[in-house]
Amino acid sequence: MATLISVEPSGEHWSVTWDGVANAMLFKSGARAERAARSLGERLAAAGQAAEVCIRARDGAVVGRFVCARTPTAPQPGRRE
């Protein structure tokens, strides 16, 4: 199951929340929040956990949805498989 990462307005700011984490990250702009959410999704995917980023506008409409597919873990340098 993919981890859901949400970007949505929160008062004057924008919040990034995701499954299993109680505290949201807050940003002054939606663009910064989106970049942080996509980066988080990419890092989760690289670690072997699929993620889905859902972005909502101030009116609540979904304006973007990105899937970060799980990627195979690359071998560690100097480590024998």
C-alpha atoms as a PDB file:
ATOM      1  CA  MET A   1       0.000   0.000   0.000  1.00  0.00           C
ATOM      2  CA  ALA A   2       1.266   3.462  -0.879  1.00  0.00           C
ATOM      3  CA  THR A   3       1.843   6.160   1.713  1.00  0.00           C
ATOM      4  CA  LEU A   4      -0.530   9.077   1.099  1.00  0.00           C
ATOM      5  CA  ILE A   5       1.106  12.516   1.247  1.00  0.00           C
ATOM      6  CA  SER A   6      -1.317  15.465   1.215  1.00  0.00           C
ATOM      7  CA  VAL A   7      -0.688  19.117   0.392  1.00  0.00           C
ATOM      8  CA  GLU A   8      -3.509  21.458   1.383  1.00  0.00           C
ATOM      9  CA  PRO A   9      -4.148  24.974   2.658  1.00  0.00           C
ATOM     10  CA  SER A  10      -3.977  25.550   6.388  1.00  0.00           C
ATOM     11  CA  GLY A  11      -5.026  29.109   7.222  1.00  0.00           C
ATOM     12  CA  GLU A  12      -2.471  31.441   5.661  1.00  0.00           C
ATOM     13  CA  HIS A  13      -0.028  28.573   5.134  1.00  0.00           C
ATOM     14  CA  TRP A  14       0.151  25.239   3.309  1.00  0.00           C
ATOM     15  CA  SER A  15       0.517  21.937   5.113  1.00  0.00           C
ATOM     16  CA  VAL A  16       2.126  18.656   4.127  1.00  0.00           C
ATOM     17  CA  THR A  17       0.844  15.622   6.003  1.00  0.00           C
ATOM     18  CA  TRP A  18       1.321  11.910   5.486  1.00  0.00           C
ATOM     19  CA  ASP A  19       0.150   8.596   6.862  1.00  0.00           C
ATOM     20  CA  GLY A  20       1.464   7.667  10.277  1.00  0.00           C
ATOM     21  CA  VAL A  21       2.918  11.078  11.190  1.00  0.00           C
ATOM     22  CA  ALA A  22       0.997  13.294  13.603  1.00  0.00           C
ATOM     23  CA  ASN A  23       2.743  16.626  12.939  1.00  0.00           C
ATOM     24  CA  ALA A  24       2.324  18.498   9.670  1.00  0.00           C
ATOM     25  CA  MET A  25       5.041  20.471   7.925  1.00  0.00           C
ATOM     26  CA  LEU A  26       3.924  24.075   7.264  1.00  0.00           C
ATOM     27  CA  PHE A  27       5.042  26.280   4.371  1.00  0.00           C
ATOM     28  CA  LYS A  28       4.365  29.881   3.363  1.00  0.00           C
ATOM     29  CA  SER A  29       3.631  28.940  -0.251  1.00  0.00           C
ATOM     30  CA  GLY A  30       1.897  26.099  -2.025  1.00  0.00           C
ATOM     31  CA  ALA A  31       4.847  25.709  -4.393  1.00  0.00           C
ATOM     32  CA  ARG A  32       7.257  25.083  -1.516  1.00  0.00           C
ATOM     33  CA  ALA A  33       4.833  22.637   0.075  1.00  0.00           C
ATOM     34  CA  GLU A  34       4.458  20.766  -3.227  1.00  0.00           C
ATOM     35  CA  ARG A  35       8.240  20.542  -3.696  1.00  0.00           C
ATOM     36  CA  ALA A  36       8.650  19.184  -0.159  1.00  0.00           C
ATOM     37  CA  ALA A  37       5.861  16.628  -0.656  1.00  0.00           C
ATOM     38  CA  ARG A  38       7.272  15.405  -3.970  1.00  0.00           C
ATOM     39  CA  SER A  39      10.753  15.167  -2.471  1.00  0.00           C
ATOM     40  CA  LEU A  40       9.384  13.160   0.452  1.00  0.00           C
ATOM     41  CA  GLY A  41       7.546  10.853  -1.954  1.00  0.00           C
ATOM     42  CA  GLU A  42      10.699  10.295  -3.993  1.00  0.00           C
ATOM     43  CA  ARG A  43      12.732   9.512  -0.853  1.00  0.00           C
ATOM     44  CA  LEU A  44      10.113   7.045   0.362  1.00  0.00           C
ATOM     45  CA  ALA A  45      10.061   5.361  -3.063  1.00  0.00           C
ATOM     46  CA  ALA A  46      13.860   5.106  -3.100  1.00  0.00           C
ATOM     47  CA  ALA A  47      13.656   3.451   0.327  1.00  0.00           C
ATOM     48  CA  GLY A  48      11.218   0.859  -1.020  1.00  0.00           C
ATOM     49  CA  GLN A  49       7.872   2.404   0.011  1.00  0.00           C
ATOM     50  CA  ALA A  50       5.506   3.574  -2.742  1.00  0.00           C
ATOM     51  CA  ALA A  51       3.924   6.992  -2.167  1.00  0.00           C
ATOM     52  CA  GLU A  52       1.115   9.065  -3.631  1.00  0.00           C
ATOM     53  CA  VAL A  53       1.132  12.876  -3.426  1.00  0.00           C
ATOM     54  CA  CYS A  54      -2.276  14.590  -3.534  1.00  0.00           C
ATOM     55  CA  ILE A  55      -2.417  18.388  -3.910  1.00  0.00           C
ATOM     56  CA  ARG A  56      -5.535  20.409  -3.121  1.00  0.00           C
ATOM     57  CA  ALA A  57      -6.332  24.028  -3.993  1.00  0.00           C
ATOM     58  CA  ARG A  58      -7.778  26.542  -1.532  1.00  0.00           C
ATOM     59  CA  ASP A  59     -11.304  25.583  -2.671  1.00  0.00           C
ATOM     60  CA  GLY A  60     -10.637  21.906  -1.814  1.00  0.00           C
ATOM     61  CA  ALA A  61     -10.408  20.685  -5.419  1.00  0.00           C
ATOM     62  CA  VAL A  62      -7.698  18.148  -6.237  1.00  0.00           C
ATOM     63  CA  VAL A  63      -5.327  19.941  -8.619  1.00  0.00           C
ATOM     64  CA  GLY A  64      -2.517  17.415  -8.754  1.00  0.00           C
ATOM     65  CA  ARG A  65      -1.774  13.800  -8.015  1.00  0.00           C
ATOM     66  CA  PHE A  66       1.629  12.151  -8.358  1.00  0.00           C
ATOM     67  CA  VAL A  67       2.590   8.525  -7.824  1.00  0.00           C
ATOM     68  CA  CYS A  68       6.100   7.718  -6.652  1.00  0.00           C
ATOM     69  CA  ALA A  69       6.621   4.053  -7.482  1.00  0.00           C
ATOM     70  CA  ARG A  70       8.721   1.913  -5.204  1.00  0.00           C
ATOM     71  CA  THR A  71      12.191   1.443  -6.638  1.00  0.00           C
ATOM     72  CA  PRO A  72      14.463  -1.516  -6.014  1.00  0.00           C
ATOM     73  CA  THR A  73      17.118  -0.837  -3.446  1.00  0.00           C
ATOM     74  CA  ALA A  74      20.498  -0.263  -5.050  1.00  0.00           C
ATOM     75  CA  PRO A  75      23.396  -2.306  -3.682  1.00  0.00           C
ATOM     76  CA  GLN A  76      25.531  -0.474  -1.156  1.00  0.00           C
ATOM     77  CA  PRO A  77      29.110   0.312  -2.258  1.00  0.00           C
ATOM     78  CA  GLY A  78      31.542  -2.239  -0.841  1.00  0.00           C
ATOM     79  CA  ARG A  79      28.711  -4.591   0.156  1.00  0.00           C
ATOM     80  CA  ARG A  80      28.518  -8.067  -1.327  1.00  0.00           C
ATOM     81  CA  GLU A  81      25.143  -9.362  -2.433  1.00  0.00           C
END
